[in-house]
């Protein structure tokens, strides 16, 4: 009986060695926590890949929207400048001066136009 009392218990707790070599060597994959929660860890990793891909796609779409908005501003400005140029060229005085320069035998009407009613 004395032998049982004097001998220390031989159950040792596993030493937690979280060194870089232990992690990179794959020893951490043998830990009880990792083994028990393998499914949850895999699910979290898959969700992380999904969210990272989604964010990347969103950033690409935002860049494309910014580029298209810039093109739209440029096209609107160009349309406005063309419209103002056309308005300037279609004034009656401008048309009369172009007719005189080209030597076309046209004159402005002396009487106003008539409106016909039914």
PDB file of N, CA and C in Angstrom:
ATOM      1  N   UNK A   1       0.783  -1.181   0.000  1.00  0.00           N
ATOM      2  CA  UNK A   1       0.000   0.000   0.000  1.00  0.00           C
ATOM      3  C   UNK A   1       0.834   1.258   0.000  1.00  0.00           C
ATOM      4  N   UNK A   2       1.956   1.187   0.635  1.00  0.00           N
ATOM      5  CA  UNK A   2       2.830   2.339   0.680  1.00  0.00           C
ATOM      6  C   UNK A   2       3.371   2.684  -0.696  1.00  0.00           C
ATOM      7  N   UNK A   3       3.524   1.694  -1.514  1.00  0.00           N
ATOM      8  CA  UNK A   3       4.031   1.947  -2.863  1.00  0.00           C
ATOM      9  C   UNK A   3       3.049   2.781  -3.679  1.00  0.00           C
ATOM     10  N   UNK A   4       1.766   2.533  -3.501  1.00  0.00           N
ATOM     11  CA  UNK A   4       0.756   3.281  -4.253  1.00  0.00           C
ATOM     12  C   UNK A   4       0.719   4.743  -3.837  1.00  0.00           C
ATOM     13  N   UNK A   5       0.919   5.012  -2.577  1.00  0.00           N
ATOM     14  CA  UNK A   5       0.828   6.375  -2.085  1.00  0.00           C
ATOM     15  C   UNK A   5       2.049   7.187  -2.504  1.00  0.00           C
ATOM     16  N   UNK A   6       3.213   6.581  -2.510  1.00  0.00           N
ATOM     17  CA  UNK A   6       4.438   7.313  -2.764  1.00  0.00           C
ATOM     18  C   UNK A   6       4.667   7.604  -4.246  1.00  0.00           C
ATOM     19  N   UNK A   7       4.104   6.843  -5.140  1.00  0.00           N
ATOM     20  CA  UNK A   7       4.354   7.064  -6.568  1.00  0.00           C
ATOM     21  C   UNK A   7       3.468   8.204  -7.083  1.00  0.00           C
ATOM     22  N   UNK A   8       4.085   9.151  -7.737  1.00  0.00           N
ATOM     23  CA  UNK A   8       3.278  10.240  -8.312  1.00  0.00           C
ATOM     24  C   UNK A   8       2.520   9.738  -9.541  1.00  0.00           C
ATOM     25  N   UNK A   9       1.439  10.406  -9.830  1.00  0.00           N
ATOM     26  CA  UNK A   9       0.656  10.020 -10.993  1.00  0.00           C
ATOM     27  C   UNK A   9       1.434  10.332 -12.263  1.00  0.00           C
ATOM     28  N   UNK A  10       1.327   9.433 -13.213  1.00  0.00           N
ATOM     29  CA  UNK A  10       2.088   9.576 -14.444  1.00  0.00           C
ATOM     30  C   UNK A  10       1.308  10.297 -15.549  1.00  0.00           C
ATOM     31  N   UNK A  11       0.154  10.808 -15.238  1.00  0.00           N
ATOM     32  CA  UNK A  11      -0.610  11.535 -16.265  1.00  0.00           C
ATOM     33  C   UNK A  11      -0.064  12.943 -16.363  1.00  0.00           C
ATOM     34  N   UNK A  12       0.438  13.227 -17.492  1.00  0.00           N
ATOM     35  CA  UNK A  12       0.989  14.562 -17.734  1.00  0.00           C
ATOM     36  C   UNK A  12       0.075  15.288 -18.705  1.00  0.00           C
ATOM     37  N   UNK A  13      -0.099  16.533 -18.483  1.00  0.00           N
ATOM     38  CA  UNK A  13      -0.855  17.336 -19.440  1.00  0.00           C
ATOM     39  C   UNK A  13       0.026  17.589 -20.655  1.00  0.00           C
ATOM     40  N   UNK A  14      -0.623  17.660 -21.792  1.00  0.00           N
ATOM     41  CA  UNK A  14       0.136  17.935 -23.005  1.00  0.00           C
ATOM     42  C   UNK A  14       0.693  19.356 -22.929  1.00  0.00           C
ATOM     43  N   UNK A  15       1.942  19.442 -23.246  1.00  0.00           N
ATOM     44  CA  UNK A  15       2.561  20.757 -23.244  1.00  0.00           C
ATOM     45  C   UNK A  15       2.086  21.532 -24.463  1.00  0.00           C
ATOM     46  N   UNK A  16       1.697  22.741 -24.268  1.00  0.00           N
ATOM     47  CA  UNK A  16       1.252  23.569 -25.382  1.00  0.00           C
ATOM     48  C   UNK A  16       2.452  24.311 -25.936  1.00  0.00           C
ATOM     49  N   UNK A  17       2.948  23.796 -27.028  1.00  0.00           N
ATOM     50  CA  UNK A  17       4.094  24.421 -27.691  1.00  0.00           C
ATOM     51  C   UNK A  17       3.567  25.117 -28.939  1.00  0.00           C
ATOM     52  N   UNK A  18       3.337  26.368 -28.883  1.00  0.00           N
ATOM     53  CA  UNK A  18       2.844  27.111 -30.034  1.00  0.00           C
ATOM     54  C   UNK A  18       3.986  27.855 -30.714  1.00  0.00           C
ATOM     55  N   UNK A  19       5.003  27.112 -31.050  1.00  0.00           N
ATOM     56  CA  UNK A  19       6.109  27.724 -31.774  1.00  0.00           C
ATOM     57  C   UNK A  19       5.788  27.694 -33.268  1.00  0.00           C
ATOM     58  N   UNK A  20       6.542  28.435 -34.033  1.00  0.00           N
ATOM     59  CA  UNK A  20       6.321  28.508 -35.471  1.00  0.00           C
ATOM     60  C   UNK A  20       6.575  27.153 -36.123  1.00  0.00           C
ATOM     61  N   UNK A  21       7.565  26.458 -35.673  1.00  0.00           N
ATOM     62  CA  UNK A  21       7.866  25.133 -36.216  1.00  0.00           C
ATOM     63  C   UNK A  21       6.741  24.145 -35.913  1.00  0.00           C
ATOM     64  N   UNK A  22       6.143  24.256 -34.735  1.00  0.00           N
ATOM     65  CA  UNK A  22       5.039  23.381 -34.349  1.00  0.00           C
ATOM     66  C   UNK A  22       3.815  23.635 -35.230  1.00  0.00           C
ATOM     67  N   UNK A  23       3.539  24.901 -35.521  1.00  0.00           N
ATOM     68  CA  UNK A  23       2.378  25.252 -36.349  1.00  0.00           C
ATOM     69  C   UNK A  23       2.620  24.866 -37.802  1.00  0.00           C
ATOM     70  N   UNK A  24       3.792  25.229 -38.348  1.00  0.00           N
ATOM     71  CA  UNK A  24       4.083  24.920 -39.747  1.00  0.00           C
ATOM     72  C   UNK A  24       4.300  23.436 -39.986  1.00  0.00           C
ATOM     73  N   UNK A  25       4.729  22.722 -38.994  1.00  0.00           N
ATOM     74  CA  UNK A  25       4.948  21.289 -39.121  1.00  0.00           C
ATOM     75  C   UNK A  25       3.660  20.491 -39.111  1.00  0.00           C
ATOM     76  N   UNK A  26       2.553  21.109 -38.744  1.00  0.00           N
ATOM     77  CA  UNK A  26       1.265  20.434 -38.746  1.00  0.00           C
ATOM     78  C   UNK A  26       0.895  19.841 -37.407  1.00  0.00           C
ATOM     79  N   UNK A  27       1.665  20.098 -36.396  1.00  0.00           N
ATOM     80  CA  UNK A  27       1.362  19.554 -35.072  1.00  0.00           C
ATOM     81  C   UNK A  27       0.090  20.135 -34.486  1.00  0.00           C
ATOM     82  N   UNK A  28      -0.222  21.346 -34.868  1.00  0.00           N
ATOM     83  CA  UNK A  28      -1.435  21.986 -34.336  1.00  0.00           C
ATOM     84  C   UNK A  28      -2.695  21.302 -34.849  1.00  0.00           C
ATOM     85  N   UNK A  29      -2.591  20.607 -35.984  1.00  0.00           N
ATOM     86  CA  UNK A  29      -3.756  19.917 -36.545  1.00  0.00           C
ATOM     87  C   UNK A  29      -4.140  18.688 -35.727  1.00  0.00           C
ATOM     88  N   UNK A  30      -3.249  18.258 -34.848  1.00  0.00           N
ATOM     89  CA  UNK A  30      -3.528  17.095 -34.002  1.00  0.00           C
ATOM     90  C   UNK A  30      -4.189  17.489 -32.683  1.00  0.00           C
ATOM     91  N   UNK A  31      -4.281  18.757 -32.430  1.00  0.00           N
ATOM     92  CA  UNK A  31      -4.868  19.217 -31.165  1.00  0.00           C
ATOM     93  C   UNK A  31      -6.342  18.817 -31.108  1.00  0.00           C
ATOM     94  N   UNK A  32      -6.827  18.567 -29.892  1.00  0.00           N
ATOM     95  CA  UNK A  32      -8.209  18.128 -29.700  1.00  0.00           C
ATOM     96  C   UNK A  32      -9.206  19.170 -30.203  1.00  0.00           C
ATOM     97  N   UNK A  33      -8.949  20.429 -29.927  1.00  0.00           N
ATOM     98  CA  UNK A  33      -9.865  21.492 -30.345  1.00  0.00           C
ATOM     99  C   UNK A  33     -10.016  21.519 -31.859  1.00  0.00           C
ATOM    100  N   UNK A  34      -8.913  21.423 -32.573  1.00  0.00           N
ATOM    101  CA  UNK A  34      -8.948  21.472 -34.033  1.00  0.00           C
ATOM    102  C   UNK A  34      -9.654  20.248 -34.592  1.00  0.00           C
ATOM    103  N   UNK A  35      -9.405  19.091 -34.018  1.00  0.00           N
ATOM    104  CA  UNK A  35     -10.034  17.858 -34.494  1.00  0.00           C
ATOM    105  C   UNK A  35     -11.545  17.903 -34.270  1.00  0.00           C
ATOM    106  N   UNK A  36     -11.969  18.407 -33.108  1.00  0.00           N
ATOM    107  CA  UNK A  36     -13.396  18.465 -32.791  1.00  0.00           C
ATOM    108  C   UNK A  36     -14.147  19.469 -33.669  1.00  0.00           C
ATOM    109  N   UNK A  37     -13.504  20.550 -34.029  1.00  0.00           N
ATOM    110  CA  UNK A  37     -14.173  21.634 -34.753  1.00  0.00           C
ATOM    111  C   UNK A  37     -13.729  21.746 -36.212  1.00  0.00           C
ATOM    112  N   UNK A  38     -13.357  20.639 -36.805  1.00  0.00           N
ATOM    113  CA  UNK A  38     -12.862  20.654 -38.187  1.00  0.00           C
ATOM    114  C   UNK A  38     -13.916  21.168 -39.147  1.00  0.00           C
ATOM    115  N   UNK A  39     -15.146  20.718 -39.005  1.00  0.00           N
ATOM    116  CA  UNK A  39     -16.210  21.161 -39.920  1.00  0.00           C
ATOM    117  C   UNK A  39     -16.439  22.665 -39.835  1.00  0.00           C
ATOM    118  N   UNK A  40     -16.454  23.178 -38.627  1.00  0.00           N
ATOM    119  CA  UNK A  40     -16.675  24.618 -38.450  1.00  0.00           C
ATOM    120  C   UNK A  40     -15.512  25.418 -39.037  1.00  0.00           C
ATOM    121  N   UNK A  41     -14.308  24.944 -38.864  1.00  0.00           N
ATOM    122  CA  UNK A  41     -13.136  25.636 -39.412  1.00  0.00           C
ATOM    123  C   UNK A  41     -13.194  25.643 -40.932  1.00  0.00           C
ATOM    124  N   UNK A  42     -13.564  24.508 -41.542  1.00  0.00           N
ATOM    125  CA  UNK A  42     -13.677  24.443 -43.000  1.00  0.00           C
ATOM    126  C   UNK A  42     -14.765  25.384 -43.490  1.00  0.00           C
ATOM    127  N   UNK A  43     -15.910  25.437 -42.788  1.00  0.00           N
ATOM    128  CA  UNK A  43     -16.999  26.344 -43.154  1.00  0.00           C
ATOM    129  C   UNK A  43     -16.548  27.804 -43.079  1.00  0.00           C
ATOM    130  N   UNK A  44     -15.828  28.145 -42.048  1.00  0.00           N
ATOM    131  CA  UNK A  44     -15.342  29.525 -41.890  1.00  0.00           C
ATOM    132  C   UNK A  44     -14.365  29.878 -43.004  1.00  0.00           C
ATOM    133  N   UNK A  45     -13.486  28.963 -43.369  1.00  0.00           N
ATOM    134  CA  UNK A  45     -12.525  29.220 -44.445  1.00  0.00           C
ATOM    135  C   UNK A  45     -13.253  29.414 -45.776  1.00  0.00           C
ATOM    136  N   UNK A  46     -14.265  28.584 -46.043  1.00  0.00           N
ATOM    137  CA  UNK A  46     -15.035  28.729 -47.284  1.00  0.00           C
ATOM    138  C   UNK A  46     -15.760  30.068 -47.313  1.00  0.00           C
ATOM    139  N   UNK A  47     -16.356  30.470 -46.184  1.00  0.00           N
ATOM    140  CA  UNK A  47     -17.033  31.764 -46.117  1.00  0.00           C
ATOM    141  C   UNK A  47     -16.055  32.923 -46.303  1.00  0.00           C
ATOM    142  N   UNK A  48     -14.857  32.783 -45.763  1.00  0.00           N
ATOM    143  CA  UNK A  48     -13.845  33.829 -45.953  1.00  0.00           C
ATOM    144  C   UNK A  48     -13.488  33.985 -47.429  1.00  0.00           C
ATOM    145  N   UNK A  49     -13.303  32.859 -48.127  1.00  0.00           N
ATOM    146  CA  UNK A  49     -13.025  32.941 -49.562  1.00  0.00           C
ATOM    147  C   UNK A  49     -14.183  33.591 -50.307  1.00  0.00           C
ATOM    148  N   UNK A  50     -15.402  33.238 -49.933  1.00  0.00           N
ATOM    149  CA  UNK A  50     -16.583  33.821 -50.572  1.00  0.00           C
ATOM    150  C   UNK A  50     -16.631  35.334 -50.357  1.00  0.00           C
ATOM    151  N   UNK A  51     -16.434  35.788 -49.119  1.00  0.00           N
ATOM    152  CA  UNK A  51     -16.493  37.215 -48.828  1.00  0.00           C
ATOM    153  C   UNK A  51     -15.365  37.983 -49.497  1.00  0.00           C
ATOM    154  N   UNK A  52     -14.182  37.407 -49.547  1.00  0.00           N
ATOM    155  CA  UNK A  52     -13.054  38.079 -50.215  1.00  0.00           C
ATOM    156  C   UNK A  52     -13.334  38.217 -51.708  1.00  0.00           C
ATOM    157  N   UNK A  53     -13.843  37.159 -52.328  1.00  0.00           N
ATOM    158  CA  UNK A  53     -14.188  37.221 -53.747  1.00  0.00           C
ATOM    159  C   UNK A  53     -15.299  38.217 -54.016  1.00  0.00           C
ATOM    160  N   UNK A  54     -16.283  38.254 -53.129  1.00  0.00           N
ATOM    161  CA  UNK A  54     -17.389  39.195 -53.288  1.00  0.00           C
ATOM    162  C   UNK A  54     -16.899  40.637 -53.177  1.00  0.00           C
ATOM    163  N   UNK A  55     -16.025  40.903 -52.255  1.00  0.00           N
ATOM    164  CA  UNK A  55     -15.493  42.259 -52.093  1.00  0.00           C
ATOM    165  C   UNK A  55     -14.683  42.664 -53.328  1.00  0.00           C
ATOM    166  N   UNK A  56     -13.897  41.741 -53.855  1.00  0.00           N
ATOM    167  CA  UNK A  56     -13.098  42.023 -55.044  1.00  0.00           C
ATOM    168  C   UNK A  56     -14.007  42.351 -56.226  1.00  0.00           C
ATOM    169  N   UNK A  57     -15.086  41.579 -56.382  1.00  0.00           N
ATOM    170  CA  UNK A  57     -16.029  41.827 -57.471  1.00  0.00           C
ATOM    171  C   UNK A  57     -16.713  43.179 -57.296  1.00  0.00           C
ATOM    172  N   UNK A  58     -17.093  43.507 -56.080  1.00  0.00           N
ATOM    173  CA  UNK A  58     -17.733  44.804 -55.816  1.00  0.00           C
ATOM    174  C   UNK A  58     -16.791  45.961 -56.132  1.00  0.00           C
ATOM    175  N   UNK A  59     -15.533  45.837 -55.769  1.00  0.00           N
ATOM    176  CA  UNK A  59     -14.572  46.898 -56.065  1.00  0.00           C
ATOM    177  C   UNK A  59     -14.391  47.067 -57.569  1.00  0.00           C
ATOM    178  N   UNK A  60     -14.375  45.964 -58.317  1.00  0.00           N
ATOM    179  CA  UNK A  60     -14.270  46.064 -59.777  1.00  0.00           C
ATOM    180  C   UNK A  60     -15.487  46.771 -60.353  1.00  0.00           C
ATOM    181  N   UNK A  61     -16.673  46.446 -59.861  1.00  0.00           N
ATOM    182  CA  UNK A  61     -17.906  47.081 -60.349  1.00  0.00           C
ATOM    183  C   UNK A  61     -17.906  48.571 -60.020  1.00  0.00           C
ATOM    184  N   UNK A  62     -17.427  48.942 -58.835  1.00  0.00           N
ATOM    185  CA  UNK A  62     -17.377  50.361 -58.474  1.00  0.00           C
ATOM    186  C   UNK A  62     -16.411  51.132 -59.379  1.00  0.00           C
ATOM    187  N   UNK A  63     -15.273  50.522 -59.708  1.00  0.00           N
ATOM    188  CA  UNK A  63     -14.338  51.178 -60.631  1.00  0.00           C
ATOM    189  C   UNK A  63     -14.976  51.355 -62.007  1.00  0.00           C
ATOM    190  N   UNK A  64     -15.686  50.331 -62.459  1.00  0.00           N
ATOM    191  CA  UNK A  64     -16.341  50.403 -63.765  1.00  0.00           C
ATOM    192  C   UNK A  64     -17.423  51.482 -63.762  1.00  0.00           C
ATOM    193  N   UNK A  65     -18.179  51.605 -62.658  1.00  0.00           N
ATOM    194  CA  UNK A  65     -19.208  52.642 -62.551  1.00  0.00           C
ATOM    195  C   UNK A  65     -18.572  54.025 -62.599  1.00  0.00           C
ATOM    196  N   UNK A  66     -17.454  54.215 -61.897  1.00  0.00           N
ATOM    197  CA  UNK A  66     -16.767  55.513 -61.924  1.00  0.00           C
ATOM    198  C   UNK A  66     -16.284  55.858 -63.329  1.00  0.00           C
ATOM    199  N   UNK A  67     -15.738  54.881 -64.051  1.00  0.00           N
ATOM    200  CA  UNK A  67     -15.271  55.131 -65.417  1.00  0.00           C
ATOM    201  C   UNK A  67     -16.436  55.499 -66.329  1.00  0.00           C
ATOM    202  N   UNK A  68     -17.556  54.790 -66.192  1.00  0.00           N
ATOM    203  CA  UNK A  68     -18.718  55.079 -67.033  1.00  0.00           C
ATOM    204  C   UNK A  68     -19.322  56.441 -66.711  1.00  0.00           C
ATOM    205  N   UNK A  69     -19.306  56.836 -65.443  1.00  0.00           N
ATOM    206  CA  UNK A  69     -19.805  58.163 -65.079  1.00  0.00           C
ATOM    207  C   UNK A  69     -18.915  59.256 -65.668  1.00  0.00           C
ATOM    208  N   UNK A  70     -17.616  59.037 -65.673  1.00  0.00           N
ATOM    209  CA  UNK A  70     -16.707  60.014 -66.278  1.00  0.00           C
ATOM    210  C   UNK A  70     -16.962  60.115 -67.777  1.00  0.00           C
ATOM    211  N   UNK A  71     -17.148  58.972 -68.451  1.00  0.00           N
ATOM    212  CA  UNK A  71     -17.449  58.998 -69.883  1.00  0.00           C
ATOM    213  C   UNK A  71     -18.765  59.725 -70.144  1.00  0.00           C
ATOM    214  N   UNK A  72     -19.763  59.503 -69.271  1.00  0.00           N
ATOM    215  CA  UNK A  72     -21.057  60.165 -69.425  1.00  0.00           C
ATOM    216  C   UNK A  72     -20.909  61.679 -69.298  1.00  0.00           C
ATOM    217  N   UNK A  73     -20.117  62.142 -68.336  1.00  0.00           N
ATOM    218  CA  UNK A  73     -19.872  63.585 -68.199  1.00  0.00           C
ATOM    219  C   UNK A  73     -19.209  64.150 -69.444  1.00  0.00           C
ATOM    220  N   UNK A  74     -18.229  63.426 -69.992  1.00  0.00           N
ATOM    221  CA  UNK A  74     -17.537  63.881 -71.194  1.00  0.00           C
ATOM    222  C   UNK A  74     -18.491  63.962 -72.386  1.00  0.00           C
ATOM    223  N   UNK A  75     -19.336  62.951 -72.545  1.00  0.00           N
ATOM    224  CA  UNK A  75     -20.272  62.924 -73.671  1.00  0.00           C
ATOM    225  C   UNK A  75     -21.315  64.020 -73.519  1.00  0.00           C
ATOM    226  N   UNK A  76     -21.791  64.267 -72.309  1.00  0.00           N
ATOM    227  CA  UNK A  76     -22.761  65.356 -72.087  1.00  0.00           C
ATOM    228  C   UNK A  76     -22.144  66.704 -72.427  1.00  0.00           C
ATOM    229  N   UNK A  77     -20.903  66.911 -72.007  1.00  0.00           N
ATOM    230  CA  UNK A  77     -20.243  68.172 -72.325  1.00  0.00           C
ATOM    231  C   UNK A  77     -20.077  68.338 -73.831  1.00  0.00           C
ATOM    232  N   UNK A  78     -19.684  67.265 -74.508  1.00  0.00           N
ATOM    233  CA  UNK A  78     -19.516  67.319 -75.955  1.00  0.00           C
ATOM    234  C   UNK A  78     -20.855  67.592 -76.643  1.00  0.00           C
ATOM    235  N   UNK A  79     -21.928  66.958 -76.186  1.00  0.00           N
ATOM    236  CA  UNK A  79     -23.253  67.191 -76.767  1.00  0.00           C
ATOM    237  C   UNK A  79     -23.694  68.627 -76.541  1.00  0.00           C
ATOM    238  N   UNK A  80     -23.406  69.175 -75.378  1.00  0.00           N
ATOM    239  CA  UNK A  80     -23.768  70.565 -75.089  1.00  0.00           C
ATOM    240  C   UNK A  80     -22.995  71.529 -75.977  1.00  0.00           C
ATOM    241  N   UNK A  81     -21.722  71.275 -76.189  1.00  0.00           N
ATOM    242  CA  UNK A  81     -20.931  72.167 -77.038  1.00  0.00           C
ATOM    243  C   UNK A  81     -21.377  72.071 -78.499  1.00  0.00           C
ATOM    244  N   UNK A  82     -21.712  70.862 -78.966  1.00  0.00           N
ATOM    245  CA  UNK A  82     -22.200  70.711 -80.340  1.00  0.00           C
ATOM    246  C   UNK A  82     -23.548  71.404 -80.498  1.00  0.00           C
ATOM    247  N   UNK A  83     -24.405  71.277 -79.494  1.00  0.00           N
ATOM    248  CA  UNK A  83     -25.722  71.918 -79.544  1.00  0.00           C
ATOM    249  C   UNK A  83     -25.590  73.440 -79.584  1.00  0.00           C
ATOM    250  N   UNK A  84     -24.692  73.986 -78.801  1.00  0.00           N
ATOM    251  CA  UNK A  84     -24.518  75.450 -78.808  1.00  0.00           C
ATOM    252  C   UNK A  84     -23.927  75.915 -80.134  1.00  0.00           C
ATOM    253  N   UNK A  85     -23.030  75.134 -80.711  1.00  0.00           N
ATOM    254  CA  UNK A  85     -22.468  75.480 -82.024  1.00  0.00           C
ATOM    255  C   UNK A  85     -23.558  75.454 -83.091  1.00  0.00           C
ATOM    256  N   UNK A  86     -24.409  74.426 -83.050  1.00  0.00           N
ATOM    257  CA  UNK A  86     -25.513  74.321 -84.008  1.00  0.00           C
ATOM    258  C   UNK A  86     -26.496  75.474 -83.843  1.00  0.00           C
ATOM    259  N   UNK A  87     -26.775  75.843 -82.614  1.00  0.00           N
ATOM    260  CA  UNK A  87     -27.672  76.980 -82.368  1.00  0.00           C
ATOM    261  C   UNK A  87     -27.073  78.264 -82.928  1.00  0.00           C
ATOM    262  N   UNK A  88     -25.782  78.440 -82.767  1.00  0.00           N
ATOM    263  CA  UNK A  88     -25.123  79.640 -83.304  1.00  0.00           C
ATOM    264  C   UNK A  88     -25.154  79.676 -84.820  1.00  0.00           C
ATOM    265  N   UNK A  89     -24.977  78.527 -85.473  1.00  0.00           N
ATOM    266  CA  UNK A  89     -24.979  78.472 -86.939  1.00  0.00           C
ATOM    267  C   UNK A  89     -26.376  78.584 -87.528  1.00  0.00           C
ATOM    268  N   UNK A  90     -27.403  78.264 -86.768  1.00  0.00           N
ATOM    269  CA  UNK A  90     -28.762  78.281 -87.331  1.00  0.00           C
ATOM    270  C   UNK A  90     -29.493  79.602 -87.093  1.00  0.00           C
ATOM    271  N   UNK A  91     -28.843  80.608 -86.611  1.00  0.00           N
ATOM    272  CA  UNK A  91     -29.471  81.929 -86.467  1.00  0.00           C
ATOM    273  C   UNK A  91     -29.686  82.539 -87.852  1.00  0.00           C
ATOM    274  N   UNK A  92     -30.732  83.337 -87.923  1.00  0.00           N
ATOM    275  CA  UNK A  92     -31.099  83.902 -89.221  1.00  0.00           C
ATOM    276  C   UNK A  92     -29.983  84.773 -89.786  1.00  0.00           C
ATOM    277  N   UNK A  93     -29.349  85.558 -88.969  1.00  0.00           N
ATOM    278  CA  UNK A  93     -28.279  86.433 -89.470  1.00  0.00           C
ATOM    279  C   UNK A  93     -27.098  85.591 -89.982  1.00  0.00           C
ATOM    280  N   UNK A  94     -26.804  84.524 -89.326  1.00  0.00           N
ATOM    281  CA  UNK A  94     -25.702  83.662 -89.747  1.00  0.00           C
ATOM    282  C   UNK A  94     -26.035  82.986 -91.081  1.00  0.00           C
ATOM    283  N   UNK A  95     -27.292  82.552 -91.216  1.00  0.00           N
ATOM    284  CA  UNK A  95     -27.709  81.900 -92.463  1.00  0.00           C
ATOM    285  C   UNK A  95     -27.666  82.896 -93.621  1.00  0.00           C
ATOM    286  N   UNK A  96     -28.111  84.116 -93.389  1.00  0.00           N
ATOM    287  CA  UNK A  96     -28.087  85.141 -94.444  1.00  0.00           C
ATOM    288  C   UNK A  96     -26.659  85.438 -94.885  1.00  0.00           C
ATOM    289  N   UNK A  97     -25.732  85.492 -93.932  1.00  0.00           N
ATOM    290  CA  UNK A  97     -24.341  85.770 -94.298  1.00  0.00           C
ATOM    291  C   UNK A  97     -23.739  84.591 -95.087  1.00  0.00           C
ATOM    292  N   UNK A  98     -24.091  83.362 -94.754  1.00  0.00           N
ATOM    293  CA  UNK A  98     -23.611  82.209 -95.507  1.00  0.00           C
ATOM    294  C   UNK A  98     -24.171  82.193 -96.930  1.00  0.00           C
ATOM    295  N   UNK A  99     -25.430  82.586 -97.086  1.00  0.00           N
ATOM    296  CA  UNK A  99     -26.048  82.633 -98.421  1.00  0.00           C
ATOM    297  C   UNK A  99     -25.344  83.680 -99.285  1.00  0.00           C
ATOM    298  N   UNK A 100     -25.048  84.827 -98.712  1.00  0.00           N
ATOM    299  CA  UNK A 100     -24.358  85.877 -99.464  1.00  0.00           C
ATOM    300  C   UNK A 100     -22.944  85.454 -99.838  1.00  0.00           C
ATOM    301  N   UNK A 101     -22.243  84.753 -98.928  1.00  0.00           N
ATOM    302  CA  UNK A 101     -20.875  84.313 -99.212  1.00  0.00           C
ATOM    303  C   UNK A 101     -20.829  83.305-100.360  1.00  0.00           C
ATOM    304  N   UNK A 102     -21.815  82.436-100.416  1.00  0.00           N
ATOM    305  CA  UNK A 102     -21.813  81.401-101.440  1.00  0.00           C
ATOM    306  C   UNK A 102     -22.431  81.877-102.758  1.00  0.00           C
ATOM    307  N   UNK A 103     -23.024  83.029-102.764  1.00  0.00           N
ATOM    308  CA  UNK A 103     -23.564  83.592-103.994  1.00  0.00           C
ATOM    309  C   UNK A 103     -24.872  82.964-104.443  1.00  0.00           C
ATOM    310  N   UNK A 104     -25.618  82.422-103.525  1.00  0.00           N
ATOM    311  CA  UNK A 104     -26.918  81.836-103.861  1.00  0.00           C
ATOM    312  C   UNK A 104     -27.917  82.973-104.009  1.00  0.00           C
ATOM    313  N   UNK A 105     -28.784  82.866-105.021  1.00  0.00           N
ATOM    314  CA  UNK A 105     -29.726  83.935-105.325  1.00  0.00           C
ATOM    315  C   UNK A 105     -31.016  83.740-104.520  1.00  0.00           C
ATOM    316  N   UNK A 106     -30.960  83.954-103.221  1.00  0.00           N
ATOM    317  CA  UNK A 106     -32.128  83.859-102.343  1.00  0.00           C
ATOM    318  C   UNK A 106     -32.248  85.142-101.542  1.00  0.00           C
ATOM    319  N   UNK A 107     -33.493  85.487-101.227  1.00  0.00           N
ATOM    320  CA  UNK A 107     -33.739  86.671-100.408  1.00  0.00           C
ATOM    321  C   UNK A 107     -34.707  86.302 -99.301  1.00  0.00           C
ATOM    322  N   UNK A 108     -34.709  87.099 -98.255  1.00  0.00           N
ATOM    323  CA  UNK A 108     -35.653  86.856 -97.173  1.00  0.00           C
ATOM    324  C   UNK A 108     -37.032  87.329 -97.612  1.00  0.00           C
ATOM    325  N   UNK A 109     -38.068  86.702 -97.099  1.00  0.00           N
ATOM    326  CA  UNK A 109     -39.434  87.046 -97.475  1.00  0.00           C
ATOM    327  C   UNK A 109     -39.812  88.405 -96.908  1.00  0.00           C
ATOM    328  N   UNK A 110     -40.503  89.210 -97.730  1.00  0.00           N
ATOM    329  CA  UNK A 110     -40.922  90.538 -97.274  1.00  0.00           C
ATOM    330  C   UNK A 110     -42.260  90.454 -96.544  1.00  0.00           C
ATOM    331  N   UNK A 111     -43.071  89.459 -96.857  1.00  0.00           N
ATOM    332  CA  UNK A 111     -44.358  89.284 -96.190  1.00  0.00           C
ATOM    333  C   UNK A 111     -44.266  88.090 -95.248  1.00  0.00           C
ATOM    334  N   UNK A 112     -44.951  88.184 -94.134  1.00  0.00           N
ATOM    335  CA  UNK A 112     -44.899  87.079 -93.174  1.00  0.00           C
ATOM    336  C   UNK A 112     -45.630  85.855 -93.707  1.00  0.00           C
ATOM    337  N   UNK A 113     -45.365  84.744 -93.143  1.00  0.00           N
ATOM    338  CA  UNK A 113     -45.992  83.483 -93.565  1.00  0.00           C
ATOM    339  C   UNK A 113     -47.461  83.468 -93.131  1.00  0.00           C
ATOM    340  N   UNK A 114     -48.272  82.782 -93.936  1.00  0.00           N
ATOM    341  CA  UNK A 114     -49.701  82.683 -93.630  1.00  0.00           C
ATOM    342  C   UNK A 114     -49.968  81.371 -92.911  1.00  0.00           C
ATOM    343  N   UNK A 115     -50.918  81.404 -91.977  1.00  0.00           N
ATOM    344  CA  UNK A 115     -51.370  80.189 -91.321  1.00  0.00           C
ATOM    345  C   UNK A 115     -52.733  79.844 -91.900  1.00  0.00           C
ATOM    346  N   UNK A 116     -52.867  78.632 -92.341  1.00  0.00           N
ATOM    347  CA  UNK A 116     -54.128  78.179 -92.917  1.00  0.00           C
ATOM    348  C   UNK A 116     -54.898  77.396 -91.871  1.00  0.00           C
ATOM    349  N   UNK A 117     -56.189  77.726 -91.754  1.00  0.00           N
ATOM    350  CA  UNK A 117     -57.031  77.018 -90.794  1.00  0.00           C
ATOM    351  C   UNK A 117     -57.991  76.135 -91.562  1.00  0.00           C
ATOM    352  N   UNK A 118     -58.412  75.070 -91.041  1.00  0.00           N
ATOM    353  CA  UNK A 118     -59.385  74.180 -91.673  1.00  0.00           C
ATOM    354  C   UNK A 118     -60.781  74.584 -91.323  1.00  0.00           C
TER     355      UNK A 118
END
